[in-house]
């Protein structure tokens, strides 16, 4: 700065004028850049319908929406058949389709009011050359994920498989790509040892009957016929499916998925599903009570342990689920804290990536997931195959899980000037405490609770895991 000041002061007036003109050009360019960025951010903001779609999947606060929907004999799995799902803890969500081409999110067709005929032309451009389901699976495994859920068809109606039931042949097999991406994906999952999940949206914006099913019953009947046909294809033609993840069961972007049960008849639909995959785990968004509940979005996970199976789903890129030019990549610490807070309250976490039009997960996303995997490689013992408790979480401080005769205490952050962690009383006798894969921690237990002396204990910069070993019965 001093050199620049001397240069300006010692220059003649012409040089000064030239310098000032250059500065004005740079400032003007910076202002235009900021204005452009503002418009880009504004364009990414959710529509009311998109926001409501997310909010109806929110579990917090007050366990909103939990247990809503119809149910019947055999419609849900017994607890013993949910154990494997509860063991997994961490999965990869994948939103990918035509909406990756405009790169403004998966709600592009609706938000930008693009006519169906115009939007369908994107299928002529959708011919990814570098798509590799095996690479997706590799990234998921390196991140420490144990299952995957791929969007097979989103609300725009474009199916990523060979779908004879697709209205007007709007699928990847009968358009430019001429590929069955669902088959490639399911094969890659199984080869990698990952559990296979499929997302399917009954909602299809191409049908006016979706927005007015009673006023346009014939068109709505075509939509329902497509849904039953496509769900059957997915359950029948791709081997064992571990998870069926519905979305968009509500009608006309109003009410809840349960409110639309009269139209979709989810007990009938899912009876057909279970005829092909008896033990498939089904989420609650078809209008039927789910085998697990969902909490959607990036809001913090707080409060007590939730006493039923549930899943937190959110975006690695907070801007949108589908590929987006605007990037708001989650910080590593936020991801790890979110995962720990979820698991400590009995949930799984499904973290979404949005591959680009060519089917490639953005490199910066791959790198961030790799960082998560490094933390899990060291701390996974306190995550996988555990159950929440016995200590209730303290928001912003700690939470716990257990497995066998071990309790895993996850320390998020030690309060200022605090060197002792005071845990509530427990009827279990704790015989030792140490950092996971580390040094011993001094403990004292009596009828008033458990005290851990953290003086001199080196804390992990993300989340610290302590192991408390209990006396076996």
Protein backbone atom coordinates (compact mmCIF):
# COMPACT_ATOMS: atom_id res chain seq x y z
CA UNK A 1 0.00 0.00 0.00
CA UNK A 2 2.88 2.42 0.81
CA UNK A 3 4.49 1.78 -2.57
CA UNK A 4 1.16 2.42 -4.29
CA UNK A 5 0.72 5.71 -2.39
CA UNK A 6 4.22 6.88 -3.33
CA UNK A 7 3.60 5.98 -6.95
CA UNK A 8 0.38 8.00 -7.06
CA UNK A 9 1.83 10.99 -5.26
CA UNK A 10 4.88 11.14 -7.52
CA UNK A 11 2.99 10.68 -10.77
CA UNK A 12 2.04 13.52 -13.04
CA UNK A 13 -1.60 14.45 -13.45
CA UNK A 14 -2.02 12.32 -16.56
CA UNK A 15 -0.82 9.25 -14.72
CA UNK A 16 -3.10 10.12 -11.82
CA UNK A 17 -6.04 10.42 -14.17
CA UNK A 18 -5.20 7.10 -15.80
CA UNK A 19 -4.92 5.44 -12.40
CA UNK A 20 -8.28 6.87 -11.32
CA UNK A 21 -9.96 5.68 -14.52
CA UNK A 22 -8.58 2.15 -13.97
CA UNK A 23 -9.80 2.19 -10.39
CA UNK A 24 -13.26 3.30 -11.49
CA UNK A 25 -13.37 0.48 -14.04
CA UNK A 26 -12.34 -2.04 -11.37
CA UNK A 27 -14.84 -0.72 -8.85
CA UNK A 28 -17.60 -0.72 -11.47
CA UNK A 29 -16.70 -4.28 -12.40
CA UNK A 30 -16.76 -5.30 -8.75
CA UNK A 31 -20.20 -3.70 -8.28
CA UNK A 32 -21.53 -5.50 -11.36
CA UNK A 33 -20.08 -8.75 -10.06
CA UNK A 34 -21.80 -8.26 -6.70
CA UNK A 35 -25.10 -7.39 -8.39
CA UNK A 36 -24.79 -10.48 -10.58
CA UNK A 37 -24.10 -12.61 -7.51
CA UNK A 38 -27.15 -11.16 -5.74
CA UNK A 39 -29.38 -12.03 -8.68
CA UNK A 40 -27.88 -15.53 -8.79
CA UNK A 41 -28.60 -16.04 -5.10
CA UNK A 42 -32.14 -14.69 -5.49
CA UNK A 43 -32.75 -17.07 -8.38
CA UNK A 44 -31.83 -20.00 -6.13
CA UNK A 45 -34.31 -19.11 -3.40
CA UNK A 46 -37.06 -21.65 -2.86
CA UNK A 47 -40.55 -21.18 -4.20
CA UNK A 48 -43.34 -21.41 -1.63
CA UNK A 49 -44.25 -24.89 -2.90
CA UNK A 50 -40.64 -26.07 -2.68
CA UNK A 51 -40.31 -24.76 0.87
CA UNK A 52 -43.59 -26.38 1.93
CA UNK A 53 -42.40 -29.66 0.41
CA UNK A 54 -39.36 -29.56 2.68
CA UNK A 55 -41.27 -28.42 5.77
CA UNK A 56 -43.80 -31.23 5.59
CA UNK A 57 -40.87 -33.63 6.00
CA UNK A 58 -39.65 -31.93 9.16
CA UNK A 59 -39.51 -33.97 12.34
CA UNK A 60 -38.39 -31.12 14.59
CA UNK A 61 -39.73 -29.54 16.69
CA UNK A 62 -42.40 -31.59 18.43
CA UNK A 63 -41.86 -34.64 16.18
CA UNK A 64 -44.07 -33.01 13.53
CA UNK A 65 -45.64 -35.48 11.14
CA UNK A 66 -44.43 -38.59 12.94
CA UNK A 67 -46.77 -41.53 12.51
CA UNK A 68 -49.12 -39.81 10.07
CA UNK A 69 -50.75 -41.86 7.33
CA UNK A 70 -52.79 -44.99 6.89
CA UNK A 71 -51.73 -48.44 8.08
CA UNK A 72 -52.97 -51.99 7.94
CA UNK A 73 -51.97 -55.56 8.77
CA UNK A 74 -48.49 -56.25 7.41
CA UNK A 75 -48.03 -52.74 6.04
CA UNK A 76 -44.99 -52.08 8.23
CA UNK A 77 -41.95 -54.12 9.15
CA UNK A 78 -41.61 -55.51 12.69
CA UNK A 79 -38.78 -54.03 14.80
CA UNK A 80 -36.50 -57.01 14.29
CA UNK A 81 -36.48 -56.42 10.53
CA UNK A 82 -35.49 -52.79 11.02
CA UNK A 83 -32.33 -53.56 12.97
CA UNK A 84 -30.05 -53.72 9.93
CA UNK A 85 -31.27 -50.29 8.79
CA UNK A 86 -30.71 -48.78 12.23
CA UNK A 87 -27.15 -50.19 12.20
CA UNK A 88 -26.09 -48.32 9.05
CA UNK A 89 -26.23 -44.71 10.36
CA UNK A 90 -24.88 -42.94 7.26
CA UNK A 91 -26.00 -43.00 3.63
CA UNK A 92 -25.64 -41.14 0.35
CA UNK A 93 -28.64 -39.46 -1.31
CA UNK A 94 -28.25 -38.74 -5.05
CA UNK A 95 -30.39 -36.21 -6.94
CA UNK A 96 -29.60 -36.39 -10.64
CA UNK A 97 -31.65 -35.89 -13.79
CA UNK A 98 -32.45 -33.43 -16.58
CA UNK A 99 -32.43 -30.59 -14.06
CA UNK A 100 -28.64 -30.95 -13.84
CA UNK A 101 -28.38 -29.34 -17.30
CA UNK A 102 -29.75 -25.86 -16.42
CA UNK A 103 -27.96 -26.32 -13.06
CA UNK A 104 -30.49 -24.32 -11.05
CA UNK A 105 -31.91 -27.09 -8.89
CA UNK A 106 -34.37 -29.97 -9.17
CA UNK A 107 -37.42 -27.64 -8.97
CA UNK A 108 -36.34 -25.73 -12.11
CA UNK A 109 -39.26 -26.86 -14.28
CA UNK A 110 -41.87 -25.69 -11.76
CA UNK A 111 -40.10 -22.63 -10.39
CA UNK A 112 -39.32 -21.24 -13.83
CA UNK A 113 -42.74 -22.23 -15.21
CA UNK A 114 -41.24 -24.15 -18.12
CA UNK A 115 -43.93 -25.88 -20.24
CA UNK A 116 -43.66 -29.67 -20.26
CA UNK A 117 -43.05 -29.78 -24.03
CA UNK A 118 -40.20 -27.30 -23.74
CA UNK A 119 -38.66 -28.97 -20.70
CA UNK A 120 -38.77 -32.35 -22.45
CA UNK A 121 -36.24 -31.09 -25.00
CA UNK A 122 -33.58 -31.37 -22.29
CA UNK A 123 -33.75 -35.13 -22.79
CA UNK A 124 -32.13 -34.62 -26.20
CA UNK A 125 -29.09 -33.14 -24.42
CA UNK A 126 -28.97 -35.67 -21.58
CA UNK A 127 -26.28 -38.11 -22.71
CA UNK A 128 -23.64 -38.28 -19.97
CA UNK A 129 -20.30 -39.60 -21.18
CA UNK A 130 -18.52 -39.89 -17.84
CA UNK A 131 -21.31 -41.33 -15.70
CA UNK A 132 -20.02 -44.16 -13.52
CA UNK A 133 -22.23 -45.71 -10.87
CA UNK A 134 -19.15 -47.59 -9.66
CA UNK A 135 -17.46 -44.23 -9.00
CA UNK A 136 -20.51 -43.02 -7.06
CA UNK A 137 -20.31 -46.16 -4.93
CA UNK A 138 -16.57 -45.71 -4.41
CA UNK A 139 -17.10 -42.13 -3.20
CA UNK A 140 -19.85 -43.28 -0.84
CA UNK A 141 -17.70 -46.03 0.67
CA UNK A 142 -14.70 -43.73 1.09
CA UNK A 143 -16.99 -41.33 2.98
CA UNK A 144 -17.96 -44.09 5.41
CA UNK A 145 -21.48 -44.41 4.01
CA UNK A 146 -23.24 -47.78 4.22
CA UNK A 147 -26.22 -47.32 1.90
CA UNK A 148 -27.28 -45.23 -1.08
CA UNK A 149 -30.60 -43.80 -2.26
CA UNK A 150 -30.74 -42.70 -5.90
CA UNK A 151 -33.51 -40.54 -7.33
CA UNK A 152 -34.98 -42.70 -10.08
CA UNK A 153 -37.56 -40.08 -11.05
CA UNK A 154 -38.15 -36.63 -9.63
CA UNK A 155 -41.21 -34.37 -9.93
CA UNK A 156 -40.34 -33.43 -13.54
CA UNK A 157 -41.37 -36.94 -14.64
CA UNK A 158 -38.12 -38.02 -16.33
CA UNK A 159 -37.33 -41.64 -15.45
CA UNK A 160 -33.73 -42.84 -15.30
CA UNK A 161 -34.48 -46.40 -16.39
CA UNK A 162 -36.11 -48.43 -19.14
CA UNK A 163 -39.70 -47.65 -18.16
CA UNK A 164 -42.51 -48.91 -20.41
CA UNK A 165 -44.98 -47.26 -18.01
CA UNK A 166 -43.46 -43.80 -18.52
CA UNK A 167 -46.06 -41.38 -19.89
CA UNK A 168 -45.03 -40.33 -23.40
CA UNK A 169 -41.84 -42.44 -23.17
CA UNK A 170 -40.11 -39.83 -21.04
CA UNK A 171 -37.18 -41.89 -19.83
CA UNK A 172 -33.44 -42.31 -20.31
CA UNK A 173 -33.79 -45.53 -22.30
CA UNK A 174 -35.95 -44.03 -25.04
CA UNK A 175 -34.13 -40.70 -25.36
CA UNK A 176 -30.58 -39.58 -26.20
CA UNK A 177 -28.74 -41.50 -23.46
CA UNK A 178 -30.35 -44.86 -24.30
CA UNK A 179 -29.17 -46.19 -20.93
CA UNK A 180 -30.76 -47.74 -17.88
CA UNK A 181 -29.08 -45.80 -15.10
CA UNK A 182 -31.06 -47.53 -12.35
CA UNK A 183 -29.67 -50.91 -13.43
CA UNK A 184 -26.13 -49.55 -13.53
CA UNK A 185 -26.63 -48.01 -10.10
CA UNK A 186 -28.16 -51.07 -8.40
CA UNK A 187 -25.47 -53.35 -9.85
CA UNK A 188 -22.71 -51.01 -8.64
CA UNK A 189 -24.19 -50.75 -5.12
CA UNK A 190 -24.32 -54.47 -4.65
CA UNK A 191 -20.83 -54.99 -6.06
CA UNK A 192 -19.51 -52.42 -3.57
CA UNK A 193 -21.35 -54.05 -0.65
CA UNK A 194 -23.70 -51.10 -0.13
CA UNK A 195 -27.41 -51.38 0.61
CA UNK A 196 -29.62 -50.34 -2.31
CA UNK A 197 -32.18 -47.56 -1.98
CA UNK A 198 -34.44 -46.10 -4.65
CA UNK A 199 -36.23 -42.75 -4.47
CA UNK A 200 -39.45 -42.36 -6.46
CA UNK A 201 -41.82 -39.41 -6.71
CA UNK A 202 -45.47 -40.13 -7.57
CA UNK A 203 -45.82 -36.40 -8.25
CA UNK A 204 -45.41 -35.43 -11.92
CA UNK A 205 -45.80 -31.78 -12.97
CA UNK A 206 -46.65 -32.82 -16.55
CA UNK A 207 -50.13 -33.90 -15.39
CA UNK A 208 -52.71 -31.13 -14.82
CA UNK A 209 -54.67 -33.75 -12.89
CA UNK A 210 -52.04 -33.67 -10.14
CA UNK A 211 -53.06 -30.10 -9.33
CA UNK A 212 -56.80 -30.82 -9.60
CA UNK A 213 -57.45 -34.57 -9.24
CA UNK A 214 -61.20 -34.16 -8.62
CA UNK A 215 -61.73 -31.63 -11.39
CA UNK A 216 -59.60 -33.56 -13.91
CA UNK A 217 -60.18 -37.19 -12.88
CA UNK A 218 -59.22 -38.76 -16.23
CA UNK A 219 -55.85 -37.04 -16.31
CA UNK A 220 -55.27 -37.81 -12.63
CA UNK A 221 -56.05 -41.47 -13.37
CA UNK A 222 -53.25 -41.48 -15.98
CA UNK A 223 -50.86 -40.14 -13.35
CA UNK A 224 -51.87 -42.82 -10.88
CA UNK A 225 -51.54 -45.52 -13.54
CA UNK A 226 -48.01 -44.33 -14.31
CA UNK A 227 -47.10 -44.42 -10.61
CA UNK A 228 -48.31 -47.98 -10.07
CA UNK A 229 -46.65 -49.15 -13.26
CA UNK A 230 -43.32 -47.52 -12.56
CA UNK A 231 -43.14 -48.59 -8.93
CA UNK A 232 -43.80 -52.15 -10.03
CA UNK A 233 -41.00 -51.93 -12.61
CA UNK A 234 -38.56 -50.71 -9.98
CA UNK A 235 -39.51 -53.40 -7.49
CA UNK A 236 -39.72 -56.23 -10.03
CA UNK A 237 -36.80 -55.72 -12.41
CA UNK A 238 -33.80 -54.71 -10.27
CA UNK A 239 -33.35 -57.47 -7.73
CA UNK A 240 -33.56 -56.97 -3.98
CA UNK A 241 -34.29 -53.36 -3.07
CA UNK A 242 -33.45 -52.50 0.52
CA UNK A 243 -35.06 -49.05 0.80
CA UNK A 244 -37.96 -47.42 -1.06
CA UNK A 245 -37.88 -43.67 -0.54
CA UNK A 246 -41.09 -41.96 -1.72
CA UNK A 247 -41.43 -38.21 -2.11
CA UNK A 248 -44.14 -35.90 -3.41
CA UNK A 249 -47.17 -37.86 -2.23
CA UNK A 250 -49.12 -34.70 -1.44
CA UNK A 251 -51.55 -33.32 -4.04
CA UNK A 252 -51.40 -29.89 -5.67
CA UNK A 253 -48.52 -28.97 -3.32
CA UNK A 254 -51.01 -28.75 -0.47
CA UNK A 255 -51.60 -30.52 2.82
CA UNK A 256 -49.60 -33.61 3.69
CA UNK A 257 -48.80 -36.94 2.09
CA UNK A 258 -51.28 -38.54 4.47
CA UNK A 259 -54.02 -36.20 3.19
CA UNK A 260 -53.58 -37.66 -0.29
CA UNK A 261 -53.96 -41.31 0.76
CA UNK A 262 -57.51 -41.34 -0.67
CA UNK A 263 -56.01 -40.84 -4.13
CA UNK A 264 -52.84 -42.94 -4.12
CA UNK A 265 -54.24 -45.82 -2.03
CA UNK A 266 -50.81 -46.47 -0.48
CA UNK A 267 -51.80 -49.70 1.27
CA UNK A 268 -52.64 -51.19 -2.12
CA UNK A 269 -49.52 -49.68 -3.72
CA UNK A 270 -47.15 -50.92 -1.02
CA UNK A 271 -48.77 -54.35 -0.80
CA UNK A 272 -47.66 -54.68 -4.42
CA UNK A 273 -44.21 -53.41 -3.43
CA UNK A 274 -43.90 -56.02 -0.68
CA UNK A 275 -45.04 -58.77 -3.03
CA UNK A 276 -41.69 -58.31 -4.80
CA UNK A 277 -39.56 -57.09 -1.87
CA UNK A 278 -41.16 -58.28 1.38
CA UNK A 279 -38.53 -56.73 3.65
CA UNK A 280 -37.97 -53.42 1.87
CA UNK A 281 -37.81 -50.47 4.29
CA UNK A 282 -40.36 -47.82 3.25
CA UNK A 283 -40.36 -44.17 4.25
CA UNK A 284 -43.61 -42.33 5.22
CA UNK A 285 -44.17 -40.18 2.12
CA UNK A 286 -46.59 -42.35 0.16
CA UNK A 287 -49.43 -41.58 2.57
CA UNK A 288 -48.80 -44.77 4.54
CA UNK A 289 -47.22 -44.79 7.98
CA UNK A 290 -43.56 -45.37 7.26
CA UNK A 291 -41.12 -47.90 8.66
CA UNK A 292 -39.12 -44.84 9.67
CA UNK A 293 -39.80 -41.11 9.92
CA UNK A 294 -37.95 -38.30 8.15
CA UNK A 295 -36.50 -34.95 9.08
CA UNK A 296 -35.58 -32.92 6.00
CA UNK A 297 -33.24 -29.96 5.69
CA UNK A 298 -30.20 -28.44 7.31
CA UNK A 299 -31.73 -27.31 10.61
CA UNK A 300 -29.74 -28.35 13.68
CA UNK A 301 -30.70 -31.58 15.42
CA UNK A 302 -31.48 -30.88 19.06
CA UNK A 303 -33.49 -32.25 21.97
CA UNK A 304 -33.89 -35.70 23.50
CA UNK A 305 -33.47 -39.17 22.03
CA UNK A 306 -36.26 -40.02 19.56
CA UNK A 307 -37.83 -43.38 20.45
CA UNK A 308 -38.50 -44.68 16.94
CA UNK A 309 -36.49 -45.14 13.71
CA UNK A 310 -35.89 -41.87 11.88
CA UNK A 311 -33.61 -40.33 9.29
CA UNK A 312 -32.14 -36.88 8.77
CA UNK A 313 -31.78 -35.98 5.07
CA UNK A 314 -29.95 -32.86 3.93
CA UNK A 315 -27.74 -31.39 1.23
CA UNK A 316 -23.98 -31.28 1.01
CA UNK A 317 -24.58 -28.22 -1.19
CA UNK A 318 -27.16 -26.23 0.76
CA UNK A 319 -28.36 -24.39 -2.37
CA UNK A 320 -30.40 -27.26 -3.82
CA UNK A 321 -30.65 -31.04 -4.02
CA UNK A 322 -29.90 -31.19 -7.73
CA UNK A 323 -26.69 -29.92 -9.33
CA UNK A 324 -26.38 -26.17 -9.06
CA UNK A 325 -23.95 -23.56 -10.32
CA UNK A 326 -24.39 -21.78 -6.97
CA UNK A 327 -22.44 -23.62 -4.29
CA UNK A 328 -22.83 -23.48 -0.51
CA UNK A 329 -20.74 -26.45 0.55
CA UNK A 330 -21.25 -27.63 4.12
CA UNK A 331 -18.16 -27.20 6.32
CA UNK A 332 -16.59 -30.44 7.51
CA UNK A 333 -17.27 -29.74 11.18
CA UNK A 334 -20.94 -29.04 10.48
CA UNK A 335 -21.31 -32.39 8.71
CA UNK A 336 -19.64 -34.37 11.50
CA UNK A 337 -21.58 -32.56 14.23
CA UNK A 338 -24.85 -33.13 12.35
CA UNK A 339 -24.08 -36.83 11.98
CA UNK A 340 -23.16 -37.22 15.64
CA UNK A 341 -26.20 -35.26 16.85
CA UNK A 342 -28.42 -37.43 14.66
CA UNK A 343 -26.93 -40.76 15.75
CA UNK A 344 -26.93 -39.73 19.43
CA UNK A 345 -30.71 -39.25 19.09
CA UNK A 346 -31.31 -42.59 17.38
CA UNK A 347 -31.34 -41.52 13.73
CA UNK A 348 -29.57 -42.20 10.45
CA UNK A 349 -28.22 -39.41 8.25
CA UNK A 350 -28.73 -39.35 4.48
CA UNK A 351 -26.40 -36.76 2.94
CA UNK A 352 -27.18 -35.64 -0.61
CA UNK A 353 -24.91 -35.01 -3.58
CA UNK A 354 -25.98 -33.58 -6.94
CA UNK A 355 -23.85 -34.89 -9.84
CA UNK A 356 -23.31 -32.59 -12.83
CA UNK A 357 -24.97 -33.14 -16.25
CA UNK A 358 -22.25 -35.63 -17.12
CA UNK A 359 -22.98 -37.69 -14.01
CA UNK A 360 -19.85 -36.58 -12.14
CA UNK A 361 -20.00 -35.65 -8.46
CA UNK A 362 -18.21 -32.27 -8.15
CA UNK A 363 -14.58 -32.77 -7.05
CA UNK A 364 -14.93 -30.39 -4.09
CA UNK A 365 -17.84 -32.54 -2.85
CA UNK A 366 -15.80 -35.72 -3.26
CA UNK A 367 -12.96 -34.18 -1.25
CA UNK A 368 -15.29 -33.06 1.55
CA UNK A 369 -16.83 -36.54 1.77
CA UNK A 370 -13.35 -38.05 1.90
CA UNK A 371 -12.63 -35.84 4.93
CA UNK A 372 -15.78 -37.15 6.63
CA UNK A 373 -14.62 -40.68 5.90
CA UNK A 374 -11.28 -40.01 7.60
CA UNK A 375 -13.06 -38.97 10.80
CA UNK A 376 -15.32 -42.02 10.64
CA UNK A 377 -12.35 -44.32 10.07
CA UNK A 378 -11.11 -43.26 13.52
CA UNK A 379 -14.45 -42.79 15.29
CA UNK A 380 -16.84 -45.15 13.53
CA UNK A 381 -16.87 -47.61 16.42
CA UNK A 382 -19.05 -45.14 18.32
CA UNK A 383 -21.37 -44.61 15.34
CA UNK A 384 -22.11 -47.81 13.43
CA UNK A 385 -24.20 -50.60 15.00
CA UNK A 386 -24.87 -48.48 18.09
CA UNK A 387 -28.07 -47.36 19.77
CA UNK A 388 -28.64 -44.00 21.49
CA UNK A 389 -28.01 -43.35 25.19
CA UNK A 390 -27.91 -44.20 28.00
CA UNK A 391 -27.29 -40.50 28.66
CA UNK A 392 -29.71 -38.00 27.15
CA UNK A 393 -27.97 -35.50 24.86
CA UNK A 394 -27.09 -32.04 26.15
CA UNK A 395 -27.42 -29.66 23.20
CA UNK A 396 -24.09 -28.24 22.11
CA UNK A 397 -22.15 -30.24 24.72
CA UNK A 398 -22.40 -34.03 24.45
CA UNK A 399 -24.47 -37.06 23.49
CA UNK A 400 -23.98 -40.79 23.77
CA UNK A 401 -24.42 -44.14 22.08
CA UNK A 402 -23.85 -47.68 23.30
CA UNK A 403 -23.05 -51.13 22.01
CA UNK A 404 -22.55 -54.14 24.26
CA UNK A 405 -20.64 -53.15 27.39
CA UNK A 406 -19.34 -49.89 25.88
CA UNK A 407 -20.78 -46.40 26.08
CA UNK A 408 -19.50 -43.85 23.57
CA UNK A 409 -19.61 -40.25 24.73
CA UNK A 410 -19.40 -37.70 21.91
CA UNK A 411 -18.08 -34.35 23.08
CA UNK A 412 -19.06 -31.53 20.75
CA UNK A 413 -17.50 -28.70 22.71
CA UNK A 414 -16.30 -28.26 26.28
CA UNK A 415 -17.88 -25.21 27.94
CA UNK A 416 -15.44 -22.45 28.78
CA UNK A 417 -13.51 -22.97 32.02
CA UNK A 418 -14.99 -26.45 32.49
CA UNK A 419 -12.57 -29.33 33.07
CA UNK A 420 -14.98 -31.93 34.45
CA UNK A 421 -17.88 -33.58 32.62
CA UNK A 422 -20.70 -34.45 35.01
CA UNK A 423 -22.97 -37.22 33.75
CA UNK A 424 -26.30 -38.27 35.30
CA UNK A 425 -26.54 -41.35 37.55
CA UNK A 426 -26.69 -44.72 35.83
CA UNK A 427 -27.35 -48.20 37.19
CA UNK A 428 -24.41 -49.47 35.14
CA UNK A 429 -21.03 -49.74 36.83
CA UNK A 430 -18.42 -47.95 34.74
CA UNK A 431 -14.99 -49.51 35.18
CA UNK A 432 -12.88 -47.40 32.82
CA UNK A 433 -12.87 -44.39 30.50
CA UNK A 434 -10.50 -43.44 27.71
CA UNK A 435 -10.27 -41.56 24.47
CA UNK A 436 -11.25 -43.83 21.60
CA UNK A 437 -7.90 -45.24 20.48
CA UNK A 438 -6.20 -42.99 23.02
CA UNK A 439 -5.17 -42.27 26.61
CA UNK A 440 -7.11 -43.04 29.77
CA UNK A 441 -9.43 -40.46 31.33
CA UNK A 442 -9.84 -40.26 35.09
CA UNK A 443 -13.39 -41.01 36.28
CA UNK A 444 -15.34 -41.12 39.52
CA UNK A 445 -18.79 -42.67 39.96
CA UNK A 446 -21.22 -42.58 42.86
CA UNK A 447 -24.97 -42.37 43.36
CA UNK A 448 -24.98 -38.72 42.25
CA UNK A 449 -23.57 -39.52 38.82
CA UNK A 450 -20.35 -39.93 36.86
CA UNK A 451 -17.56 -37.35 36.71
CA UNK A 452 -14.85 -37.34 34.04
CA UNK A 453 -11.70 -35.30 34.59
CA UNK A 454 -10.80 -33.77 31.21
CA UNK A 455 -7.72 -31.90 32.42
CA UNK A 456 -4.94 -32.37 29.89
CA UNK A 457 -7.14 -34.36 27.48
CA UNK A 458 -6.53 -33.41 23.85
CA UNK A 459 -9.86 -32.86 22.09
CA UNK A 460 -10.54 -33.65 18.45
CA UNK A 461 -11.07 -30.49 16.38
CA UNK A 462 -14.34 -31.96 15.04
CA UNK A 463 -15.93 -34.22 17.69
CA UNK A 464 -14.16 -36.16 20.44
CA UNK A 465 -15.17 -39.74 21.27
CA UNK A 466 -14.69 -41.19 24.75
CA UNK A 467 -15.26 -44.88 25.51
CA UNK A 468 -16.74 -45.80 28.90
CA UNK A 469 -16.47 -49.50 29.60
CA UNK A 470 -19.13 -50.97 31.87
CA UNK A 471 -19.09 -54.03 34.06
CA UNK A 472 -20.71 -56.93 32.24
CA UNK A 473 -23.67 -58.59 33.91
